[in-house]
Amino acid sequence: MKKRIKNIKALWTSVESHQDLLLASLKEDLGKHESDALLQEIYPLKKEVEYCLKNINDWACKRWAPTPLSLFGIRQYVKAEPKGRVLIISPWNFPVILTLRPLITALASGNKVVVKPSEHTPKTSDAIKTVVEAAFDQSVVEVVIGGPDVAAELTTQSFDHICFTGGTQIGKLVMKAAAEQLSSVTLELGGKSPVIVDSTARLKGAAKKIAWGKYLNAGQVCIAPDYLLVEEGIAEEFAKRFEDNIHEMYGPSPIDSVDLGKIVNKHHYNRILKLIKDAVKDGAKLHVPGGVLELGEEIRKIAPCFLTGCTTHMAIMKEEIFGPVLPMITWKETSEVFEIVEENPNPLALYIFSSKRKKIDEFVEGTKAGSTAINEVVIQVANPGLGFGGIGTSGIGRANGKASFDAFSNLRSFVDSTNRPNIVSLTFPPFNKFTVALSRFIRKWL
C-alpha cells in the first residue's frame, strides 16, 4: 500500500512541477484560457488525488460481508486486488484530466499501466509524457504516442482491463478487440445529451447555467448540453435570456473573446459548420450573438450560437455536435419530450430545469441516462465520490473515485473457516431421516 500511495503522490508532484508546460500545451492545442485550464483540468485532478489518498486504505482492505445464519462460523469478505496490466486510451477534449484521472485510480489499485493519449492534441500529449516519465519508470507507467494505428495495435495486446474515453463507434472497436483477449472494459462514450426546460423553470439561472455548460471548451465536452427541449410558452423569453448570457460571458463580439476556445482541428471545424448550414437550409433559424459566426479554418474559432425552429429530422439532431452550437426544439406535452429523447440512444447526461418536483420526477422516470443533473449542468462529473459513466451506447462501467478503483481491481471473494461448528457438513452424504428433517427445518426457518 505504501508503494501505491507513493506513486499517486509522485504523479501529483510531477503535475505541479510541470503545470506551466501543461497550461501552455492546452493553450496551443485547444486555445484554453489559463483560468479554464486550471479549474477544469488541474483542480479536479488535485481533488481526485486527495480523495484517493484519503480513502485508499479503506478501499483496499477486507470488505466484510454479512454472514447468514446458515453459514455461521465461516467468515466472508471481498478483497480488491490489482487486475494486472491496464491500458488507458484518452480523448483530446480534456486531455489532462481524462488521461491522468484514470491513471490515479489505476495506480491506486496497484496496476501496471500503459497510457495512450490523443494524437489530436499533440503538444498536450507530449507534455503528459513528460509528466509521467518524470514520475515513473516505464515498468510502472508507459506513455505511448501515436495515432489510430497505434491505438488499434495496443488493443490487440493482452491487457487485463482497458479504459477508453471517446466516440461510440471507436468504443465498439475497442470492445471488440477487448473481447478477443477477454479483457474487461470501462467505456466512457458520448451521445446527445438533452436539456429539458419547462414553464416553471427559473429562466434567468437556467439560461446562464446552460450557456456556460454548452460553450465550455467551445462545446467540446462529452456531457455538454447537446440540444434544448423548451416548453413552447417560454421559448421566446428563454432564447432572449440565452442570447444575453452569451454576451455576458463573451462580450459584444463573442468570436473575438480570449475566453472562447478553438475547435481541435480543421476536420471538426468544417464538420460543425456543415451541421449548422444544413440545419439552416432545412428551415432552422441561426442566432449568432455578435453577428460573426467563424473566422476561418486556420484560426478554428466558431462563435457561440444557437438554432431555433429545429426538427428531429435535421442532421444536427442525429449526431453528437461537439461544438458551440445548440439546437432548440419546443414542446407542449411531456409525451413529446419522451418521444424526442427516445429517438436517440441513451445519453451520457440529461439535464432538467424545473421548479416542480413532481414534474422533475416525471421527467426522470420517463427517460434513461448515464447521469442526470437537476437545475444544474456538467458539474456531476466533478465529484470523485459520484461514479460517472453512461448507459448502452453512451458507455459501460463507471469512473471516478471508488467506482474507478473497483473497475481497475479484481474484487476477489473469500470464505474463511473459523473452526467453529457449522451446518455445512449437513450437505455431506450419507443422508438419513435426521438430516432430511434438519434440512427441512433449516430451509423453512433459517
Protein backbone atom coordinates (compact mmCIF):
# COMPACT_ATOMS: atom_id res chain seq x y z
CA MET A 1 0.00 0.00 0.00
CA LYS A 2 2.89 2.36 0.72
CA LYS A 3 4.08 1.90 -2.86
CA ARG A 4 0.66 2.79 -4.27
CA ILE A 5 0.43 5.92 -2.13
CA LYS A 6 3.96 6.88 -3.16
CA ASN A 7 3.03 6.50 -6.84
CA ILE A 8 -0.05 8.72 -6.51
CA LYS A 9 1.95 11.41 -4.73
CA ALA A 10 4.74 11.17 -7.30
CA LEU A 11 2.28 11.76 -10.13
CA TRP A 12 0.78 14.81 -8.46
CA THR A 13 4.23 16.22 -7.64
CA SER A 14 5.16 15.90 -11.31
CA VAL A 15 1.92 17.58 -12.40
CA GLU A 16 2.64 20.50 -10.09
CA SER A 17 6.22 20.89 -11.26
CA HIS A 18 5.14 20.76 -14.92
CA GLN A 19 1.97 22.83 -14.55
CA ASP A 20 3.21 25.67 -16.74
CA LEU A 21 4.07 23.19 -19.50
CA LEU A 22 0.60 21.64 -19.31
CA LEU A 23 -1.13 25.04 -19.38
CA ALA A 24 0.92 26.23 -22.37
CA SER A 25 0.19 22.99 -24.23
CA LEU A 26 -3.56 23.26 -23.60
CA LYS A 27 -3.45 26.85 -24.82
CA GLU A 28 -1.73 25.86 -28.04
CA ASP A 29 -3.83 22.78 -28.79
CA LEU A 30 -7.28 23.98 -27.72
CA GLY A 31 -6.97 27.70 -27.02
CA LYS A 32 -7.83 27.12 -23.35
CA HIS A 33 -7.57 30.15 -21.12
CA GLU A 34 -5.38 29.60 -18.07
CA SER A 35 -8.30 30.02 -15.67
CA ASP A 36 -10.36 27.49 -17.59
CA ALA A 37 -7.49 25.00 -17.75
CA LEU A 38 -6.72 25.33 -14.05
CA LEU A 39 -10.32 24.88 -12.97
CA GLN A 40 -11.34 22.19 -15.48
CA GLU A 41 -8.14 20.18 -15.91
CA ILE A 42 -5.78 20.67 -12.94
CA TYR A 43 -8.05 21.36 -9.95
CA PRO A 44 -10.27 18.26 -10.39
CA LEU A 45 -7.12 16.19 -10.71
CA LYS A 46 -5.98 17.53 -7.35
CA LYS A 47 -9.34 16.60 -5.80
CA GLU A 48 -9.10 13.07 -7.24
CA VAL A 49 -5.63 12.68 -5.73
CA GLU A 50 -6.82 13.90 -2.33
CA TYR A 51 -9.91 11.68 -2.43
CA CYS A 52 -7.88 8.59 -3.33
CA LEU A 53 -5.24 9.22 -0.69
CA LYS A 54 -7.94 9.71 1.94
CA ASN A 55 -9.81 6.52 1.06
CA ILE A 56 -7.29 4.11 -0.44
CA ASN A 57 -6.75 2.13 2.75
CA ASP A 58 -10.49 1.56 3.19
CA TRP A 59 -10.93 0.59 -0.48
CA ALA A 60 -8.04 -1.87 -0.38
CA CYS A 61 -8.79 -3.52 2.97
CA LYS A 62 -11.03 -6.53 3.51
CA ARG A 63 -14.68 -5.68 2.87
CA TRP A 64 -16.57 -7.89 5.28
CA ALA A 65 -19.76 -9.49 4.04
CA PRO A 66 -22.63 -10.31 6.40
CA THR A 67 -22.69 -13.98 7.38
CA PRO A 68 -26.06 -15.71 7.08
CA LEU A 69 -27.03 -17.92 9.98
CA SER A 70 -26.80 -20.95 7.69
CA LEU A 71 -23.05 -20.24 7.30
CA PHE A 72 -22.39 -19.37 10.94
CA GLY A 73 -18.77 -19.98 11.85
CA ILE A 74 -17.39 -19.02 8.42
CA ARG A 75 -16.04 -15.53 7.79
CA GLN A 76 -16.70 -13.96 4.39
CA TYR A 77 -15.15 -10.94 2.76
CA VAL A 78 -14.07 -9.33 -0.50
CA LYS A 79 -10.59 -8.01 -1.16
CA ALA A 80 -9.65 -5.70 -4.04
CA GLU A 81 -6.56 -6.94 -5.84
CA PRO A 82 -4.79 -5.46 -8.90
CA LYS A 83 -6.13 -6.72 -12.21
CA GLY A 84 -2.58 -6.60 -13.55
CA ARG A 85 -1.80 -4.71 -16.76
CA VAL A 86 -4.11 -1.85 -17.71
CA LEU A 87 -4.48 0.23 -20.90
CA ILE A 88 -5.85 3.78 -20.79
CA ILE A 89 -6.82 5.39 -24.11
CA SER A 90 -7.78 9.01 -23.53
CA PRO A 91 -9.50 11.72 -25.63
CA TRP A 92 -8.47 15.17 -26.79
CA ASN A 93 -11.19 17.44 -25.40
CA PHE A 94 -9.95 17.41 -21.78
CA PRO A 95 -6.63 15.70 -22.40
CA VAL A 96 -5.03 16.23 -18.99
CA ILE A 97 -7.84 15.31 -16.62
CA LEU A 98 -9.22 12.48 -18.78
CA THR A 99 -5.78 10.92 -19.07
CA LEU A 100 -4.39 11.37 -15.58
CA ARG A 101 -7.55 10.87 -13.51
CA PRO A 102 -7.99 7.21 -14.51
CA LEU A 103 -4.23 6.80 -14.13
CA ILE A 104 -4.55 7.81 -10.47
CA THR A 105 -7.08 5.10 -9.68
CA ALA A 106 -5.27 2.53 -11.82
CA LEU A 107 -2.16 3.17 -9.70
CA ALA A 108 -4.22 3.20 -6.51
CA SER A 109 -5.43 -0.30 -7.49
CA GLY A 110 -1.81 -1.46 -7.82
CA ASN A 111 -1.70 -2.00 -11.60
CA LYS A 112 0.97 -1.54 -14.24
CA VAL A 113 -0.33 0.96 -16.79
CA VAL A 114 0.10 1.84 -20.45
CA VAL A 115 -1.31 5.26 -21.43
CA LYS A 116 -2.19 6.27 -24.99
CA PRO A 117 -3.12 10.00 -25.12
CA SER A 118 -4.82 11.56 -28.13
CA GLU A 119 -2.94 12.43 -31.29
CA HIS A 120 -5.32 15.38 -31.88
CA THR A 121 -3.70 17.38 -29.04
CA PRO A 122 -0.03 16.67 -29.79
CA LYS A 123 1.53 19.32 -27.56
CA THR A 124 -0.52 18.22 -24.55
CA SER A 125 0.18 14.54 -25.23
CA ASP A 126 3.91 15.29 -25.29
CA ALA A 127 3.53 17.24 -22.05
CA ILE A 128 1.68 14.32 -20.43
CA LYS A 129 4.50 12.01 -21.50
CA THR A 130 6.99 14.38 -19.85
CA VAL A 131 4.93 14.48 -16.64
CA VAL A 132 4.63 10.70 -16.42
CA GLU A 133 8.24 9.92 -17.32
CA ALA A 134 9.44 12.34 -14.65
CA ALA A 135 7.49 10.37 -12.05
CA PHE A 136 7.75 6.73 -13.09
CA ASP A 137 9.93 4.09 -14.67
CA GLN A 138 8.36 2.58 -17.81
CA SER A 139 7.87 -0.67 -15.92
CA VAL A 140 5.23 1.15 -13.82
CA VAL A 141 3.65 3.55 -16.33
CA GLU A 142 4.45 3.79 -20.03
CA VAL A 143 3.13 6.55 -22.30
CA VAL A 144 2.77 5.60 -25.96
CA ILE A 145 2.39 8.41 -28.50
CA GLY A 146 0.75 7.80 -31.86
CA GLY A 147 -2.41 7.78 -33.97
CA PRO A 148 -5.30 5.36 -34.52
CA ASP A 149 -2.97 2.64 -35.83
CA VAL A 150 -1.03 2.68 -32.57
CA ALA A 151 -4.23 2.55 -30.51
CA ALA A 152 -5.53 -0.34 -32.62
CA GLU A 153 -2.28 -2.27 -32.19
CA LEU A 154 -2.33 -1.72 -28.42
CA THR A 155 -5.84 -3.13 -28.12
CA THR A 156 -4.68 -6.40 -29.69
CA GLN A 157 -2.22 -6.91 -26.83
CA SER A 158 -3.03 -8.82 -23.67
CA PHE A 159 -4.36 -6.32 -21.14
CA ASP A 160 -6.39 -7.21 -18.06
CA HIS A 161 -8.52 -4.05 -18.37
CA ILE A 162 -8.99 -1.35 -21.00
CA CYS A 163 -10.27 2.10 -20.11
CA PHE A 164 -11.37 4.07 -23.18
CA THR A 165 -12.88 7.54 -23.41
CA GLY A 166 -14.07 8.72 -26.81
CA GLY A 167 -16.68 8.26 -29.50
CA THR A 168 -19.21 5.44 -29.62
CA GLN A 169 -18.04 3.97 -32.94
CA ILE A 170 -14.41 3.72 -31.80
CA GLY A 171 -15.67 2.40 -28.47
CA LYS A 172 -17.27 -0.52 -30.29
CA LEU A 173 -13.94 -1.36 -31.93
CA VAL A 174 -12.18 -1.21 -28.56
CA MET A 175 -14.76 -3.51 -27.01
CA LYS A 176 -14.49 -5.94 -29.92
CA ALA A 177 -10.71 -6.06 -29.53
CA ALA A 178 -11.04 -6.48 -25.76
CA ALA A 179 -13.39 -9.41 -26.29
CA GLU A 180 -10.66 -11.24 -28.20
CA GLN A 181 -8.46 -11.05 -25.09
CA LEU A 182 -11.37 -11.37 -22.63
CA SER A 183 -10.28 -8.05 -21.16
CA SER A 184 -12.76 -6.16 -19.04
CA VAL A 185 -13.55 -2.60 -20.16
CA THR A 186 -14.59 0.81 -18.96
CA LEU A 187 -16.06 2.78 -21.87
CA GLU A 188 -16.98 6.43 -21.44
CA LEU A 189 -18.55 7.32 -24.77
CA GLY A 190 -20.89 10.05 -25.97
CA GLY A 191 -24.30 10.75 -27.36
CA LYS A 192 -26.77 13.58 -27.50
CA SER A 193 -27.39 14.98 -24.02
CA PRO A 194 -30.77 16.76 -23.86
CA VAL A 195 -31.77 19.71 -21.71
CA ILE A 196 -35.43 19.80 -20.71
CA VAL A 197 -36.77 23.21 -19.68
CA ASP A 198 -40.38 23.51 -18.55
CA SER A 199 -42.53 26.57 -17.89
CA THR A 200 -41.83 26.51 -14.14
CA ALA A 201 -38.05 26.80 -14.57
CA ARG A 202 -36.27 29.85 -13.20
CA LEU A 203 -35.21 31.13 -16.60
CA LYS A 204 -32.55 33.60 -15.53
CA GLY A 205 -30.46 30.99 -13.76
CA ALA A 206 -31.31 28.25 -16.25
CA ALA A 207 -30.17 30.28 -19.26
CA LYS A 208 -26.90 31.23 -17.56
CA LYS A 209 -26.03 27.68 -16.50
CA ILE A 210 -26.97 26.11 -19.83
CA ALA A 211 -24.96 28.70 -21.76
CA TRP A 212 -21.92 28.08 -19.57
CA GLY A 213 -22.22 24.29 -19.89
CA LYS A 214 -22.73 24.43 -23.65
CA TYR A 215 -19.87 26.76 -24.58
CA LEU A 216 -17.33 25.43 -22.09
CA ASN A 217 -14.28 24.31 -24.08
CA ALA A 218 -16.02 25.59 -27.24
CA GLY A 219 -18.72 22.95 -26.80
CA GLN A 220 -16.20 20.10 -26.93
CA VAL A 221 -17.46 18.38 -23.80
CA CYS A 222 -18.92 14.86 -23.79
CA ILE A 223 -21.64 15.88 -21.32
CA ALA A 224 -22.32 19.33 -22.77
CA PRO A 225 -25.97 20.16 -23.44
CA ASP A 226 -26.45 18.90 -27.00
CA TYR A 227 -30.00 20.07 -27.66
CA LEU A 228 -32.73 22.03 -25.91
CA LEU A 229 -36.30 20.89 -25.32
CA VAL A 230 -38.07 24.06 -24.19
CA GLU A 231 -41.76 24.28 -23.35
CA GLU A 232 -43.43 26.32 -26.07
CA GLY A 233 -44.86 29.10 -23.90
CA ILE A 234 -41.44 30.21 -22.59
CA ALA A 235 -39.32 29.57 -25.69
CA GLU A 236 -39.11 33.19 -26.83
CA GLU A 237 -38.19 34.52 -23.40
CA PHE A 238 -35.65 31.74 -22.89
CA ALA A 239 -33.98 32.49 -26.26
CA LYS A 240 -33.66 36.17 -25.33
CA ARG A 241 -32.13 35.40 -21.94
CA PHE A 242 -29.84 32.80 -23.50
CA GLU A 243 -28.51 35.31 -26.03
CA ASP A 244 -27.99 37.87 -23.27
CA ASN A 245 -25.92 35.37 -21.31
CA ILE A 246 -23.70 34.68 -24.30
CA HIS A 247 -22.89 38.39 -24.44
CA GLU A 248 -22.44 38.49 -20.67
CA MET A 249 -19.81 35.72 -20.83
CA TYR A 250 -18.04 36.61 -24.08
CA GLY A 251 -18.73 40.31 -24.66
CA PRO A 252 -20.29 42.20 -27.59
CA SER A 253 -18.23 40.23 -30.15
CA PRO A 254 -18.01 36.66 -28.76
CA ILE A 255 -15.94 35.36 -31.68
CA ASP A 256 -13.11 37.69 -30.61
CA SER A 257 -13.19 36.72 -26.95
CA VAL A 258 -9.95 35.35 -25.48
CA ASP A 259 -12.16 33.25 -23.21
CA LEU A 260 -13.55 31.28 -26.17
CA GLY A 261 -11.58 28.17 -27.06
CA LYS A 262 -10.92 26.89 -30.56
CA ILE A 263 -12.03 23.75 -32.35
CA VAL A 264 -9.45 20.99 -32.11
CA ASN A 265 -8.75 20.59 -35.84
CA LYS A 266 -9.91 21.54 -39.33
CA HIS A 267 -11.95 18.37 -39.80
CA HIS A 268 -14.12 19.01 -36.76
CA TYR A 269 -14.29 22.73 -37.55
CA ASN A 270 -15.74 22.08 -41.01
CA ARG A 271 -18.00 19.29 -39.73
CA ILE A 272 -19.63 21.65 -37.19
CA LEU A 273 -20.11 24.42 -39.75
CA LYS A 274 -21.73 21.96 -42.14
CA LEU A 275 -24.19 20.84 -39.44
CA ILE A 276 -25.14 24.48 -38.85
CA LYS A 277 -25.52 25.33 -42.54
CA ASP A 278 -27.54 22.18 -43.27
CA ALA A 279 -29.89 22.97 -40.38
CA VAL A 280 -30.48 26.48 -41.73
CA LYS A 281 -31.06 25.06 -45.20
CA ASP A 282 -33.66 22.71 -43.68
CA GLY A 283 -35.56 25.58 -42.05
CA ALA A 284 -33.87 26.37 -38.73
CA LYS A 285 -33.07 29.94 -37.74
CA LEU A 286 -29.47 30.67 -36.72
CA HIS A 287 -28.81 33.12 -33.87
CA VAL A 288 -25.22 34.41 -33.69
CA PRO A 289 -24.79 36.99 -30.91
CA GLY A 290 -22.26 39.49 -32.25
CA GLY A 291 -23.03 38.65 -35.87
CA VAL A 292 -19.82 36.83 -36.87
CA LEU A 293 -20.06 33.04 -36.95
CA GLU A 294 -16.49 31.92 -37.79
CA LEU A 295 -13.01 33.18 -38.58
CA GLY A 296 -11.69 30.52 -40.98
CA GLU A 297 -10.17 27.08 -40.58
CA GLU A 298 -6.68 28.41 -39.81
CA ILE A 299 -7.95 30.09 -36.64
CA ARG A 300 -10.61 27.41 -35.99
CA LYS A 301 -12.95 29.53 -33.86
CA ILE A 302 -16.74 29.29 -34.11
CA ALA A 303 -18.87 31.81 -32.23
CA PRO A 304 -21.27 30.63 -29.51
CA CYS A 305 -24.59 30.33 -31.34
CA PHE A 306 -27.92 28.55 -31.23
CA LEU A 307 -30.67 27.40 -33.59
CA THR A 308 -34.44 27.75 -33.22
CA GLY A 309 -37.14 26.10 -35.29
CA CYS A 310 -35.30 22.77 -35.33
CA THR A 311 -36.83 19.36 -36.03
CA THR A 312 -35.67 15.85 -35.21
CA HIS A 313 -35.13 15.14 -38.90
CA MET A 314 -32.20 17.54 -39.16
CA ALA A 315 -28.66 16.11 -39.24
CA ILE A 316 -27.70 18.25 -36.26
CA MET A 317 -30.28 16.33 -34.21
CA LYS A 318 -28.93 12.93 -35.23
CA GLU A 319 -25.28 13.12 -34.15
CA GLU A 320 -23.31 14.48 -31.22
CA ILE A 321 -22.38 18.07 -32.11
CA PHE A 322 -19.23 18.57 -30.01
CA GLY A 323 -19.15 22.24 -30.87
CA PRO A 324 -20.51 25.66 -29.77
CA VAL A 325 -23.97 25.46 -31.36
CA LEU A 326 -27.16 24.47 -29.54
CA PRO A 327 -30.36 23.48 -31.42
CA MET A 328 -33.72 24.19 -29.77
CA ILE A 329 -36.99 22.29 -30.17
CA THR A 330 -40.23 23.36 -28.47
CA TRP A 331 -42.88 21.10 -26.94
CA LYS A 332 -46.37 21.32 -25.45
CA GLU A 333 -46.91 17.93 -23.81
CA THR A 334 -44.39 15.93 -21.79
CA SER A 335 -45.07 12.94 -24.03
CA GLU A 336 -43.37 14.88 -26.84
CA VAL A 337 -40.24 15.20 -24.70
CA PHE A 338 -40.08 11.47 -24.10
CA GLU A 339 -40.60 10.70 -27.79
CA ILE A 340 -37.79 13.03 -28.86
CA VAL A 341 -35.34 11.74 -26.25
CA GLU A 342 -36.23 8.16 -27.17
CA GLU A 343 -35.35 8.78 -30.83
CA ASN A 344 -31.67 8.96 -29.89
CA PRO A 345 -29.65 6.32 -28.00
CA ASN A 346 -29.48 6.68 -24.21
CA PRO A 347 -27.49 9.86 -23.49
CA LEU A 348 -24.40 10.19 -21.34
CA ALA A 349 -26.11 13.03 -19.47
CA LEU A 350 -29.58 14.51 -19.21
CA TYR A 351 -30.49 17.89 -17.71
CA ILE A 352 -33.79 19.03 -16.24
CA PHE A 353 -34.74 22.60 -15.40
CA SER A 354 -37.98 22.88 -13.45
CA SER A 355 -39.13 24.18 -10.06
CA LYS A 356 -41.77 21.48 -9.59
CA ARG A 357 -40.56 18.26 -8.01
CA LYS A 358 -43.50 16.33 -9.42
CA LYS A 359 -42.52 17.35 -12.98
CA ILE A 360 -38.87 16.62 -12.31
CA ASP A 361 -39.76 13.12 -11.11
CA GLU A 362 -41.90 12.62 -14.21
CA PHE A 363 -39.01 13.60 -16.50
CA VAL A 364 -36.62 11.32 -14.61
CA GLU A 365 -38.95 8.33 -14.69
CA GLY A 366 -39.69 8.78 -18.41
CA THR A 367 -36.06 8.84 -19.55
CA LYS A 368 -32.74 6.99 -19.23
CA ALA A 369 -29.27 8.49 -18.98
CA GLY A 370 -25.82 7.78 -17.59
CA SER A 371 -26.12 10.78 -15.27
CA THR A 372 -28.68 13.48 -14.60
CA ALA A 373 -28.38 16.99 -13.20
CA ILE A 374 -31.41 18.87 -11.95
CA ASN A 375 -31.26 22.65 -12.32
CA GLU A 376 -27.50 22.29 -12.96
CA VAL A 377 -25.31 21.21 -15.85
CA VAL A 378 -21.98 19.37 -16.24
CA ILE A 379 -20.93 19.53 -12.58
CA GLN A 380 -21.95 15.93 -11.86
CA VAL A 381 -18.57 14.81 -13.22
CA ALA A 382 -16.65 16.89 -10.66
CA ASN A 383 -17.36 14.84 -7.52
CA PRO A 384 -14.92 11.91 -7.07
CA GLY A 385 -17.46 10.29 -4.77
CA LEU A 386 -20.06 10.14 -7.54
CA GLY A 387 -19.45 7.41 -10.10
CA PHE A 388 -19.57 8.74 -13.64
CA GLY A 389 -20.43 6.88 -16.83
CA GLY A 390 -23.02 6.10 -19.47
CA ILE A 391 -25.63 3.52 -20.34
CA GLY A 392 -25.71 1.46 -23.53
CA THR A 393 -24.15 3.36 -26.43
CA SER A 394 -23.08 6.18 -24.09
CA GLY A 395 -20.85 3.91 -22.05
CA ILE A 396 -20.18 0.89 -19.89
CA GLY A 397 -18.90 1.00 -16.32
CA ARG A 398 -18.19 3.91 -14.00
CA ALA A 399 -15.22 6.22 -13.45
CA ASN A 400 -14.09 8.49 -10.61
CA GLY A 401 -13.06 7.59 -7.08
CA LYS A 402 -14.06 4.23 -5.65
CA ALA A 403 -16.04 3.27 -8.77
CA SER A 404 -12.88 3.61 -10.84
CA PHE A 405 -10.74 1.87 -8.19
CA ASP A 406 -13.12 -1.10 -8.26
CA ALA A 407 -13.13 -1.16 -12.08
CA PHE A 408 -9.34 -1.50 -12.08
CA SER A 409 -9.45 -4.17 -9.34
CA ASN A 410 -10.28 -7.84 -9.18
CA LEU A 411 -12.83 -7.98 -6.37
CA ARG A 412 -11.79 -11.36 -5.03
CA SER A 413 -14.27 -13.15 -2.75
CA PHE A 414 -13.15 -15.18 0.26
CA VAL A 415 -14.69 -17.59 2.75
CA ASP A 416 -12.54 -18.41 5.77
CA SER A 417 -13.38 -21.11 8.28
CA THR A 418 -13.04 -20.24 11.97
CA ASN A 419 -13.12 -23.84 13.22
CA ARG A 420 -16.43 -23.14 14.90
CA PRO A 421 -19.21 -25.68 14.39
CA ASN A 422 -21.31 -25.01 11.28
CA ILE A 423 -24.04 -26.79 9.35
CA VAL A 424 -22.16 -27.16 6.06
CA SER A 425 -21.40 -30.76 6.97
CA LEU A 426 -25.10 -31.49 6.67
CA THR A 427 -24.63 -31.35 2.90
CA PHE A 428 -22.24 -34.30 3.07
CA PRO A 429 -23.59 -37.81 2.46
CA PRO A 430 -24.66 -40.26 3.74
CA PHE A 431 -28.10 -38.79 4.38
CA ASN A 432 -30.71 -40.16 6.77
CA LYS A 433 -34.08 -39.24 8.29
CA PHE A 434 -32.43 -36.91 10.78
CA THR A 435 -30.54 -34.93 8.12
CA VAL A 436 -33.69 -34.68 6.00
CA ALA A 437 -35.70 -33.36 8.96
CA LEU A 438 -32.95 -30.91 9.89
CA SER A 439 -32.61 -29.76 6.28
CA ARG A 440 -36.35 -29.07 6.12
CA PHE A 441 -36.13 -27.08 9.35
CA ILE A 442 -33.22 -25.02 8.01
CA ARG A 443 -34.95 -24.42 4.69
CA LYS A 444 -38.05 -23.16 6.47
CA TRP A 445 -36.64 -21.20 9.37
CA LEU A 446 -33.10 -20.05 8.56
